[in-house]
């Protein structure tokens, strides 16, 4: 068994650990540490090592607020710029044929998160699906998602879309190395939730990701997240101002600042932008005309996304969680009206009419949920379904305790089912007032569909493909069911709504629409 734990990768030997039903390798580097001269640069190749590298413990998470790297009460993961690593889990039982590969991209608003979170272990997916599970860390916050390329000089180049480039580099590692772990590099499924869901839809329209994956699952993706180079340059200037630098000292400031100092400046900028344009954040992919060349929804509309099978969907009550977080989403009348301020008043009136009770709390939160997660997912589904098999879902299930505290099927709730977390101590506590049997049923339904999709490119036969004719949508509840064109009135109300730009971008000299 010991020999099976030592695997030869292109970069060197790595030793994992035997955990009984699975074998696990942690924090294998897929790119060089992005620090020093490599800070603000695209990921660079790993320097090969000699001997056997220990891969039994987690290394650094990306720099982020301390609370973001919390793995449990009083348990925090170390953070550092040397964070570009990934983890692999395989069933311990050997397989005569290569296994499908599922690659998970964690969420956290591109501010926080780590693949070391126990929820993301992937053990149950690897076991149940006879699959190879991979998860990754990538640069977060200003080091990964604040575009400072407008500050570049001939002597100090700065690259755009660093976190997205990291994800591409991790997928390139999978293509080079996953066969050594028993995985099939020709059958790779990427999946992610929230910002990780946005990473999935962004990778689908990133030319450099072509051929690196073969199916995609986007859970609660704010698929419209992106901003233009003009906004990026404006926010870059604000960021260095917050750091106390001038245009002449900007490069020195961003090179010398500690990750903690960069993070504090980022939070100040984040709050300013979120208040100026509710629901819009400076930490998003940037349309740079090169690596990420086109507005994502426009790319799907025009058939420029990678034509791979896609599952996409959102949760029924996404924003009940964010309603408790100030400045997060447009979930109040004040923020919703600011969001609509630059749109055609007829569009605003049509949308709010589709949410009876507005401006009451429940209706306002539903608008914030739909404009951020559900409506963009519908836009992607109806566009992508013209070019590749597409399947849409809505997650409705919540245990009695979770519903009782006012959350319901809120943001991230489906992760308990996807990762089979209901039978853990945390999961059982959530079903203490009832719903454990239903939770198990929903878990099996989601896992079986996710894993069947990863293996064959389509979910179970009970889930029909999405088309603009019938808009079949799997509702994950107890029991699961298929509905056709759910929320049809809301869907039609949002037609014609543009977020922060006209579809396809703005003309030269034309101001972007601020919606």
Protein backbone atom coordinates (compact mmCIF):
# COMPACT_ATOMS: atom_id res chain seq x y z
CA UNK A 1 0.00 0.00 0.00
CA UNK A 2 2.87 2.39 0.77
CA UNK A 3 3.99 2.41 -2.86
CA UNK A 4 0.52 3.51 -3.95
CA UNK A 5 0.87 6.58 -1.76
CA UNK A 6 3.97 7.80 -3.61
CA UNK A 7 3.00 9.18 -7.01
CA UNK A 8 5.28 10.50 -9.74
CA UNK A 9 4.04 13.87 -11.05
CA UNK A 10 5.73 15.88 -13.79
CA UNK A 11 7.23 18.09 -11.11
CA UNK A 12 8.39 15.37 -8.69
CA UNK A 13 7.32 12.59 -6.35
CA UNK A 14 4.57 13.24 -3.78
CA UNK A 15 3.57 11.11 -0.80
CA UNK A 16 -0.04 11.02 0.40
CA UNK A 17 -1.85 9.29 3.21
CA UNK A 18 -4.05 6.21 3.47
CA UNK A 19 -7.42 7.03 5.07
CA UNK A 20 -9.01 3.63 4.68
CA UNK A 21 -11.65 3.97 1.99
CA UNK A 22 -9.69 6.72 0.21
CA UNK A 23 -6.16 7.89 -0.48
CA UNK A 24 -5.49 11.59 -0.08
CA UNK A 25 -2.79 14.03 -1.16
CA UNK A 26 -2.83 17.60 0.17
CA UNK A 27 -1.33 20.89 -0.98
CA UNK A 28 0.53 19.74 -4.07
CA UNK A 29 1.92 22.89 -5.73
CA UNK A 30 0.64 23.57 -9.25
CA UNK A 31 2.49 26.88 -9.70
CA UNK A 32 5.40 28.72 -8.13
CA UNK A 33 4.78 30.86 -5.04
CA UNK A 34 3.31 34.15 -6.38
CA UNK A 35 5.40 36.34 -4.10
CA UNK A 36 8.26 38.80 -4.51
CA UNK A 37 8.84 39.44 -8.21
CA UNK A 38 5.97 37.05 -9.00
CA UNK A 39 3.40 39.08 -7.03
CA UNK A 40 0.91 40.63 -9.48
CA UNK A 41 2.08 38.24 -12.21
CA UNK A 42 0.46 35.29 -13.96
CA UNK A 43 1.27 31.95 -12.29
CA UNK A 44 4.74 30.67 -13.08
CA UNK A 45 5.83 27.00 -13.41
CA UNK A 46 6.77 25.03 -10.33
CA UNK A 47 10.47 24.36 -9.84
CA UNK A 48 10.80 20.56 -9.91
CA UNK A 49 12.02 18.98 -6.68
CA UNK A 50 14.17 15.99 -5.89
CA UNK A 51 13.25 13.27 -3.42
CA UNK A 52 9.71 12.68 -2.18
CA UNK A 53 7.58 15.68 -1.22
CA UNK A 54 5.29 15.19 1.77
CA UNK A 55 1.67 15.84 0.77
CA UNK A 56 -0.10 14.69 3.92
CA UNK A 57 -0.89 18.09 5.48
CA UNK A 58 -2.52 21.28 4.25
CA UNK A 59 -0.26 24.22 3.47
CA UNK A 60 -1.25 27.87 3.21
CA UNK A 61 -4.59 29.29 2.27
CA UNK A 62 -4.54 32.47 0.20
CA UNK A 63 -4.10 35.65 2.29
CA UNK A 64 -7.51 36.70 3.60
CA UNK A 65 -9.20 37.95 6.78
CA UNK A 66 -8.56 35.68 9.75
CA UNK A 67 -12.24 34.75 10.01
CA UNK A 68 -12.17 33.62 6.39
CA UNK A 69 -9.60 30.91 7.08
CA UNK A 70 -11.53 29.48 10.02
CA UNK A 71 -11.80 25.69 9.78
CA UNK A 72 -13.82 25.36 12.96
CA UNK A 73 -14.13 26.94 16.41
CA UNK A 74 -10.66 28.12 17.41
CA UNK A 75 -9.08 26.40 14.42
CA UNK A 76 -7.57 28.63 11.75
CA UNK A 77 -5.55 27.66 8.70
CA UNK A 78 -2.26 29.40 8.12
CA UNK A 79 -2.34 31.88 5.23
CA UNK A 80 0.46 33.06 2.96
CA UNK A 81 1.30 34.05 -0.58
CA UNK A 82 2.75 30.58 -1.19
CA UNK A 83 -0.78 29.23 -1.64
CA UNK A 84 -1.09 27.87 -5.20
CA UNK A 85 -1.72 24.23 -4.40
CA UNK A 86 -4.33 21.55 -4.91
CA UNK A 87 -5.56 18.38 -3.23
CA UNK A 88 -6.39 14.96 -4.66
CA UNK A 89 -8.66 12.25 -3.23
CA UNK A 90 -9.04 8.82 -4.86
CA UNK A 91 -10.87 5.64 -3.85
CA UNK A 92 -8.41 3.26 -2.19
CA UNK A 93 -9.64 0.34 -4.28
CA UNK A 94 -7.68 0.15 -7.57
CA UNK A 95 -9.60 0.55 -10.82
CA UNK A 96 -8.94 -1.24 -14.10
CA UNK A 97 -9.98 1.87 -16.05
CA UNK A 98 -9.31 5.59 -15.57
CA UNK A 99 -11.81 7.29 -13.28
CA UNK A 100 -13.77 10.48 -14.04
CA UNK A 101 -12.25 13.58 -12.47
CA UNK A 102 -14.27 16.22 -10.59
CA UNK A 103 -12.49 19.51 -9.83
CA UNK A 104 -14.03 21.75 -7.15
CA UNK A 105 -13.51 25.54 -6.97
CA UNK A 106 -14.47 27.01 -3.60
CA UNK A 107 -16.48 30.19 -3.13
CA UNK A 108 -16.20 33.11 -0.73
CA UNK A 109 -16.84 36.20 -2.84
CA UNK A 110 -13.22 36.10 -4.04
CA UNK A 111 -12.39 37.49 -0.58
CA UNK A 112 -12.07 34.39 1.57
CA UNK A 113 -12.18 30.60 1.42
CA UNK A 114 -9.95 27.55 1.43
CA UNK A 115 -10.00 24.04 0.02
CA UNK A 116 -9.05 22.79 3.49
CA UNK A 117 -12.57 23.30 4.84
CA UNK A 118 -13.92 19.97 6.11
CA UNK A 119 -17.11 20.44 4.07
CA UNK A 120 -15.01 20.31 0.89
CA UNK A 121 -13.13 17.09 1.67
CA UNK A 122 -14.62 15.31 -1.34
CA UNK A 123 -14.34 11.90 0.33
CA UNK A 124 -18.02 11.04 -0.09
CA UNK A 125 -18.01 12.07 -3.75
CA UNK A 126 -14.91 10.01 -4.49
CA UNK A 127 -16.39 6.97 -2.77
CA UNK A 128 -19.94 7.21 -4.09
CA UNK A 129 -18.95 8.12 -7.64
CA UNK A 130 -15.78 6.02 -7.97
CA UNK A 131 -14.17 9.30 -9.05
CA UNK A 132 -10.98 11.27 -8.52
CA UNK A 133 -11.71 14.46 -6.60
CA UNK A 134 -9.50 17.56 -6.92
CA UNK A 135 -9.82 20.86 -5.07
CA UNK A 136 -7.66 23.94 -5.35
CA UNK A 137 -6.58 27.15 -3.69
CA UNK A 138 -6.17 30.26 -5.80
CA UNK A 139 -5.29 33.88 -5.12
CA UNK A 140 -8.06 35.88 -3.43
CA UNK A 141 -8.74 39.50 -2.57
CA UNK A 142 -6.46 42.18 -4.02
CA UNK A 143 -3.72 39.65 -4.82
CA UNK A 144 -6.05 37.66 -7.07
CA UNK A 145 -9.05 39.74 -8.14
CA UNK A 146 -8.18 43.42 -7.99
CA UNK A 147 -6.93 44.43 -11.42
CA UNK A 148 -3.91 46.70 -11.00
CA UNK A 149 -2.59 46.26 -14.55
CA UNK A 150 -3.25 49.96 -15.26
CA UNK A 151 -0.40 50.74 -12.84
CA UNK A 152 2.13 48.67 -14.80
CA UNK A 153 5.37 50.22 -16.05
CA UNK A 154 7.93 48.92 -18.57
CA UNK A 155 10.08 47.85 -15.66
CA UNK A 156 7.25 46.37 -13.60
CA UNK A 157 4.68 44.41 -15.63
CA UNK A 158 1.39 43.55 -13.90
CA UNK A 159 -1.02 40.92 -15.22
CA UNK A 160 -4.81 40.94 -15.10
CA UNK A 161 -7.23 38.25 -13.87
CA UNK A 162 -4.70 36.58 -11.59
CA UNK A 163 -7.14 34.34 -9.71
CA UNK A 164 -8.70 33.18 -12.96
CA UNK A 165 -5.25 32.50 -14.39
CA UNK A 166 -4.48 30.43 -11.27
CA UNK A 167 -7.53 28.28 -11.91
CA UNK A 168 -6.43 27.68 -15.51
CA UNK A 169 -2.96 26.72 -14.24
CA UNK A 170 -4.52 24.22 -11.81
CA UNK A 171 -6.54 22.67 -14.65
CA UNK A 172 -3.36 22.45 -16.73
CA UNK A 173 -1.79 20.54 -13.82
CA UNK A 174 -4.74 18.16 -13.91
CA UNK A 175 -4.15 17.50 -17.60
CA UNK A 176 -0.44 16.81 -16.98
CA UNK A 177 -0.72 14.72 -13.86
CA UNK A 178 -4.12 13.29 -13.00
CA UNK A 179 -3.55 10.04 -14.92
CA UNK A 180 -0.84 9.19 -12.37
CA UNK A 181 -3.59 9.23 -9.70
CA UNK A 182 -5.88 7.01 -11.74
CA UNK A 183 -7.94 9.86 -13.24
CA UNK A 184 -9.01 10.33 -16.84
CA UNK A 185 -7.68 13.65 -18.20
CA UNK A 186 -10.21 13.31 -21.03
CA UNK A 187 -13.15 13.35 -18.61
CA UNK A 188 -12.80 16.36 -16.29
CA UNK A 189 -15.80 18.11 -14.70
CA UNK A 190 -15.36 21.46 -13.00
CA UNK A 191 -17.85 22.56 -10.37
CA UNK A 192 -18.08 25.39 -7.91
CA UNK A 193 -20.47 27.39 -5.75
CA UNK A 194 -21.02 31.16 -5.38
CA UNK A 195 -17.74 32.83 -6.43
CA UNK A 196 -16.65 29.30 -7.34
CA UNK A 197 -19.76 29.09 -9.52
CA UNK A 198 -18.74 32.36 -11.14
CA UNK A 199 -15.30 30.84 -11.68
CA UNK A 200 -16.98 27.98 -13.56
CA UNK A 201 -19.01 30.23 -15.86
CA UNK A 202 -15.97 32.50 -16.30
CA UNK A 203 -13.74 29.58 -17.26
CA UNK A 204 -16.37 28.60 -19.82
CA UNK A 205 -15.71 31.87 -21.66
CA UNK A 206 -11.93 31.99 -21.08
CA UNK A 207 -10.08 31.01 -24.27
CA UNK A 208 -7.06 29.65 -22.36
CA UNK A 209 -9.32 27.09 -20.64
CA UNK A 210 -10.36 25.49 -23.93
CA UNK A 211 -9.99 21.69 -23.72
CA UNK A 212 -9.03 21.66 -20.04
CA UNK A 213 -12.47 20.41 -18.90
CA UNK A 214 -15.34 18.53 -20.50
CA UNK A 215 -18.39 19.22 -18.30
CA UNK A 216 -19.28 22.06 -15.95
CA UNK A 217 -21.56 22.56 -12.93
CA UNK A 218 -22.24 26.12 -11.75
CA UNK A 219 -23.99 26.37 -8.38
CA UNK A 220 -25.38 29.80 -7.44
CA UNK A 221 -23.16 31.53 -9.97
CA UNK A 222 -23.34 35.33 -10.21
CA UNK A 223 -22.59 34.64 -13.87
CA UNK A 224 -22.76 38.32 -14.84
CA UNK A 225 -19.85 39.26 -12.59
CA UNK A 226 -17.27 41.17 -14.61
CA UNK A 227 -16.20 44.76 -15.03
CA UNK A 228 -14.40 46.77 -17.66
CA UNK A 229 -10.86 48.14 -17.74
CA UNK A 230 -12.10 51.67 -17.11
CA UNK A 231 -13.62 50.70 -13.76
CA UNK A 232 -10.53 48.63 -12.98
CA UNK A 233 -8.23 51.60 -13.53
CA UNK A 234 -10.44 53.85 -11.39
CA UNK A 235 -10.49 51.35 -8.55
CA UNK A 236 -6.73 50.80 -8.84
CA UNK A 237 -6.20 54.53 -8.29
CA UNK A 238 -8.54 54.48 -5.29
CA UNK A 239 -6.76 51.44 -3.88
CA UNK A 240 -3.30 53.03 -3.93
CA UNK A 241 -4.81 56.22 -2.48
CA UNK A 242 -6.11 54.16 0.44
CA UNK A 243 -2.63 52.69 0.84
CA UNK A 244 -1.33 56.27 1.13
CA UNK A 245 0.61 56.19 -2.12
CA UNK A 246 0.84 58.64 -5.01
CA UNK A 247 1.01 57.77 -8.72
CA UNK A 248 4.79 58.05 -8.47
CA UNK A 249 5.00 55.68 -5.51
CA UNK A 250 2.18 53.28 -6.44
CA UNK A 251 4.41 50.43 -7.65
CA UNK A 252 6.61 50.63 -4.57
CA UNK A 253 3.52 50.65 -2.35
CA UNK A 254 1.86 47.55 -3.83
CA UNK A 255 5.18 45.68 -3.89
CA UNK A 256 6.11 46.46 -0.29
CA UNK A 257 2.73 46.29 1.41
CA UNK A 258 2.09 43.18 3.46
CA UNK A 259 -0.86 40.96 2.56
CA UNK A 260 -2.59 42.23 5.71
CA UNK A 261 -2.13 45.86 4.66
CA UNK A 262 -3.40 45.06 1.16
CA UNK A 263 -6.39 43.30 2.67
CA UNK A 264 -7.35 46.25 4.86
CA UNK A 265 -7.19 48.61 1.90
CA UNK A 266 -9.29 46.18 -0.11
CA UNK A 267 -12.05 46.07 2.49
CA UNK A 268 -12.24 49.88 2.46
CA UNK A 269 -12.47 49.92 -1.34
CA UNK A 270 -14.98 47.07 -1.35
CA UNK A 271 -17.35 48.91 0.97
CA UNK A 272 -17.08 52.11 -1.04
CA UNK A 273 -17.91 50.39 -4.34
CA UNK A 274 -20.72 48.29 -2.84
CA UNK A 275 -22.39 51.44 -1.51
CA UNK A 276 -21.87 53.36 -4.75
CA UNK A 277 -23.30 50.60 -6.96
CA UNK A 278 -25.27 48.06 -4.86
CA UNK A 279 -24.46 44.48 -5.80
CA UNK A 280 -21.31 45.45 -7.71
CA UNK A 281 -17.86 44.60 -6.37
CA UNK A 282 -14.29 45.44 -7.41
CA UNK A 283 -13.29 41.79 -6.99
CA UNK A 284 -14.56 40.31 -10.23
CA UNK A 285 -12.96 39.17 -13.50
CA UNK A 286 -12.05 42.08 -15.75
CA UNK A 287 -12.71 42.35 -19.47
CA UNK A 288 -9.10 42.81 -20.48
CA UNK A 289 -9.47 42.18 -24.22
CA UNK A 290 -7.00 39.31 -24.03
CA UNK A 291 -7.19 36.64 -21.35
CA UNK A 292 -10.86 37.41 -20.58
CA UNK A 293 -11.98 39.14 -23.76
CA UNK A 294 -15.77 39.46 -23.56
CA UNK A 295 -18.64 40.15 -21.20
CA UNK A 296 -19.63 36.67 -19.99
CA UNK A 297 -23.38 36.82 -20.70
CA UNK A 298 -22.64 38.21 -24.18
CA UNK A 299 -20.18 35.38 -24.79
CA UNK A 300 -22.86 32.81 -23.94
CA UNK A 301 -25.41 34.65 -26.08
CA UNK A 302 -23.08 34.63 -29.07
CA UNK A 303 -22.06 31.00 -28.71
CA UNK A 304 -18.49 31.84 -27.71
CA UNK A 305 -18.54 29.76 -24.54
CA UNK A 306 -16.84 26.35 -24.55
CA UNK A 307 -19.50 23.96 -25.83
CA UNK A 308 -19.47 21.51 -22.96
CA UNK A 309 -22.51 20.06 -21.13
CA UNK A 310 -23.60 22.33 -18.26
CA UNK A 311 -25.63 22.05 -15.07
CA UNK A 312 -26.56 25.43 -13.63
CA UNK A 313 -28.95 26.63 -10.94
CA UNK A 314 -29.56 28.54 -7.75
CA UNK A 315 -31.23 28.17 -4.36
CA UNK A 316 -34.75 29.27 -3.60
CA UNK A 317 -33.86 31.75 -0.85
CA UNK A 318 -30.29 32.76 -1.65
CA UNK A 319 -30.39 36.18 -0.06
CA UNK A 320 -31.87 35.26 3.32
CA UNK A 321 -28.23 34.79 4.38
CA UNK A 322 -26.98 38.03 2.82
CA UNK A 323 -29.78 40.04 4.39
CA UNK A 324 -27.77 39.64 7.60
CA UNK A 325 -24.60 41.02 6.01
CA UNK A 326 -24.51 44.81 5.49
CA UNK A 327 -23.56 46.06 2.01
CA UNK A 328 -23.61 42.56 0.52
CA UNK A 329 -26.51 42.42 -1.95
CA UNK A 330 -29.36 44.72 -2.97
CA UNK A 331 -31.88 43.32 -0.47
CA UNK A 332 -33.46 46.55 0.84
CA UNK A 333 -35.67 49.13 -0.86
CA UNK A 334 -32.92 51.76 -0.67
CA UNK A 335 -30.33 49.54 -2.34
CA UNK A 336 -32.76 48.14 -4.91
CA UNK A 337 -33.87 51.60 -6.00
CA UNK A 338 -30.22 52.64 -6.29
CA UNK A 339 -29.60 49.55 -8.41
CA UNK A 340 -32.43 50.52 -10.77
CA UNK A 341 -31.55 54.23 -10.83
CA UNK A 342 -30.05 54.26 -14.34
CA UNK A 343 -32.38 51.77 -16.01
CA UNK A 344 -35.51 52.36 -18.04
CA UNK A 345 -38.25 53.07 -15.46
CA UNK A 346 -40.53 50.66 -17.29
CA UNK A 347 -38.08 47.84 -16.61
CA UNK A 348 -37.94 48.74 -12.92
CA UNK A 349 -41.73 48.89 -12.68
CA UNK A 350 -42.15 45.57 -14.47
CA UNK A 351 -39.66 43.83 -12.20
CA UNK A 352 -41.00 45.07 -8.87
CA UNK A 353 -44.56 44.23 -10.00
CA UNK A 354 -43.46 40.59 -10.28
CA UNK A 355 -42.65 40.56 -6.54
CA UNK A 356 -45.91 41.16 -4.64
CA UNK A 357 -45.39 42.92 -1.35
CA UNK A 358 -42.44 45.03 -2.47
CA UNK A 359 -40.89 46.99 -0.79
CA UNK A 360 -41.52 44.57 2.06
CA UNK A 361 -38.59 42.55 3.36
CA UNK A 362 -39.52 39.24 1.78
CA UNK A 363 -40.05 40.68 -1.70
CA UNK A 364 -36.95 42.87 -1.50
CA UNK A 365 -34.79 39.92 -0.53
CA UNK A 366 -36.24 37.86 -3.38
CA UNK A 367 -35.27 40.62 -5.83
CA UNK A 368 -31.72 40.71 -4.44
CA UNK A 369 -31.49 36.94 -4.70
CA UNK A 370 -32.82 36.76 -8.24
CA UNK A 371 -30.82 39.62 -9.72
CA UNK A 372 -27.59 38.21 -8.31
CA UNK A 373 -27.91 34.45 -8.80
CA UNK A 374 -31.11 33.18 -10.42
CA UNK A 375 -31.65 35.60 -13.31
CA UNK A 376 -28.02 35.41 -14.57
CA UNK A 377 -28.23 31.61 -14.36
CA UNK A 378 -31.39 31.65 -16.48
CA UNK A 379 -29.63 33.87 -19.01
CA UNK A 380 -26.73 31.43 -19.23
CA UNK A 381 -29.01 28.39 -19.45
CA UNK A 382 -31.19 29.75 -22.22
CA UNK A 383 -28.16 30.88 -24.23
CA UNK A 384 -25.96 27.81 -23.69
CA UNK A 385 -28.82 25.41 -24.40
CA UNK A 386 -28.67 26.58 -28.02
CA UNK A 387 -25.14 25.16 -28.33
CA UNK A 388 -24.64 22.32 -25.83
CA UNK A 389 -26.68 20.12 -23.46
CA UNK A 390 -27.83 22.24 -20.54
CA UNK A 391 -29.65 21.26 -17.34
CA UNK A 392 -31.16 23.68 -14.87
CA UNK A 393 -32.08 23.19 -11.22
CA UNK A 394 -33.42 25.02 -8.19
CA UNK A 395 -32.57 23.90 -4.66
CA UNK A 396 -35.56 24.20 -2.32
CA UNK A 397 -34.87 21.90 0.63
CA UNK A 398 -34.08 23.08 4.15
CA UNK A 399 -34.34 21.16 7.44
CA UNK A 400 -36.96 22.36 9.90
CA UNK A 401 -34.39 24.03 12.17
CA UNK A 402 -32.89 26.05 9.31
CA UNK A 403 -36.32 27.15 8.14
CA UNK A 404 -37.30 27.99 11.70
CA UNK A 405 -34.52 30.56 12.06
CA UNK A 406 -35.61 32.26 8.84
CA UNK A 407 -32.96 31.02 6.42
CA UNK A 408 -34.67 28.26 4.44
CA UNK A 409 -32.89 27.11 1.27
CA UNK A 410 -30.39 29.93 1.54
CA UNK A 411 -27.07 30.54 -0.16
CA UNK A 412 -24.73 27.56 0.19
CA UNK A 413 -27.35 25.24 1.68
CA UNK A 414 -27.10 22.81 -1.26
CA UNK A 415 -23.44 22.21 -0.41
CA UNK A 416 -24.56 20.03 2.49
CA UNK A 417 -26.22 17.72 -0.03
CA UNK A 418 -23.57 17.85 -2.76
CA UNK A 419 -20.81 16.92 -0.32
CA UNK A 420 -22.91 14.52 1.74
CA UNK A 421 -22.42 16.50 4.93
CA UNK A 422 -25.77 15.67 6.48
CA UNK A 423 -24.43 12.60 8.28
CA UNK A 424 -21.64 14.49 10.03
CA UNK A 425 -22.00 16.00 13.48
CA UNK A 426 -22.72 19.43 12.02
CA UNK A 427 -25.23 18.00 9.57
CA UNK A 428 -27.05 16.00 12.23
CA UNK A 429 -27.34 19.10 14.42
CA UNK A 430 -29.09 20.89 11.56
CA UNK A 431 -31.69 18.12 11.39
CA UNK A 432 -32.15 17.86 15.16
CA UNK A 433 -35.75 19.10 14.85
CA UNK A 434 -36.58 16.83 11.93
CA UNK A 435 -35.80 16.35 8.28
CA UNK A 436 -32.90 13.88 8.54
CA UNK A 437 -34.52 11.31 6.28
CA UNK A 438 -35.48 13.99 3.76
CA UNK A 439 -31.95 15.42 3.90
CA UNK A 440 -30.55 12.02 3.05
CA UNK A 441 -32.96 11.65 0.14
CA UNK A 442 -32.03 15.06 -1.30
CA UNK A 443 -28.34 14.28 -0.78
CA UNK A 444 -28.58 11.04 -2.74
CA UNK A 445 -30.50 12.77 -5.52
CA UNK A 446 -27.95 15.55 -5.93
CA UNK A 447 -24.89 13.34 -5.64
CA UNK A 448 -26.25 10.74 -8.06
CA UNK A 449 -27.09 13.43 -10.62
CA UNK A 450 -23.77 15.27 -10.20
CA UNK A 451 -21.74 12.07 -10.46
CA UNK A 452 -23.73 10.61 -13.35
CA UNK A 453 -23.26 13.89 -15.18
CA UNK A 454 -19.51 13.78 -14.48
CA UNK A 455 -19.26 10.26 -15.84
CA UNK A 456 -21.57 10.48 -18.88
CA UNK A 457 -22.15 14.17 -19.62
CA UNK A 458 -25.82 14.01 -18.65
CA UNK A 459 -27.63 13.57 -15.32
CA UNK A 460 -30.12 10.81 -14.52
CA UNK A 461 -32.85 10.21 -17.09
CA UNK A 462 -35.50 11.73 -14.80
CA UNK A 463 -33.94 15.16 -15.38
CA UNK A 464 -34.74 16.48 -18.89
CA UNK A 465 -32.51 18.97 -20.65
CA UNK A 466 -33.35 22.67 -20.48
CA UNK A 467 -34.68 24.28 -23.64
CA UNK A 468 -36.27 27.64 -24.26
CA UNK A 469 -39.38 25.72 -25.30
CA UNK A 470 -40.27 24.06 -22.00
CA UNK A 471 -37.56 25.29 -19.57
CA UNK A 472 -37.48 22.03 -17.61
CA UNK A 473 -36.02 22.61 -14.14
CA UNK A 474 -35.15 19.99 -11.53
CA UNK A 475 -36.40 21.07 -8.10
CA UNK A 476 -34.26 19.47 -5.41
CA UNK A 477 -36.64 19.00 -2.52
CA UNK A 478 -38.12 16.04 -0.68
CA UNK A 479 -39.15 14.55 -3.01
CA UNK A 480 -37.26 15.95 -6.04
CA UNK A 481 -39.46 16.87 -8.98
CA UNK A 482 -39.32 18.55 -12.39
CA UNK A 483 -41.13 21.82 -13.03
CA UNK A 484 -41.45 23.64 -16.31
CA UNK A 485 -40.62 27.35 -16.40
CA UNK A 486 -40.83 27.97 -12.65
CA UNK A 487 -41.04 31.65 -11.73
CA UNK A 488 -42.18 32.34 -15.29
CA UNK A 489 -43.61 35.75 -14.38
CA UNK A 490 -40.34 36.79 -12.76
CA UNK A 491 -38.33 35.49 -15.71
CA UNK A 492 -40.33 37.54 -18.18
CA UNK A 493 -40.14 40.61 -15.94
CA UNK A 494 -36.33 40.57 -15.96
CA UNK A 495 -36.11 40.32 -19.76
CA UNK A 496 -34.28 43.34 -21.12
CA UNK A 497 -32.65 44.22 -17.80
CA UNK A 498 -28.97 45.08 -18.10
CA UNK A 499 -26.73 45.09 -15.10
CA UNK A 500 -23.86 47.57 -15.48
CA UNK A 501 -23.32 47.61 -19.21
CA UNK A 502 -25.12 47.06 -22.46
CA UNK A 503 -24.95 43.50 -23.66
CA UNK A 504 -21.64 43.19 -25.48
CA UNK A 505 -20.13 46.29 -23.85
CA UNK A 506 -20.26 50.00 -24.57
CA UNK A 507 -19.24 51.93 -27.62
CA UNK A 508 -16.09 54.09 -27.51
CA UNK A 509 -16.79 57.23 -25.54
CA UNK A 510 -20.19 55.94 -24.39
CA UNK A 511 -20.71 55.73 -20.62
CA UNK A 512 -21.63 52.35 -19.20
CA UNK A 513 -25.15 51.97 -17.89
CA UNK A 514 -25.18 51.90 -14.11
CA UNK A 515 -28.05 49.70 -13.04
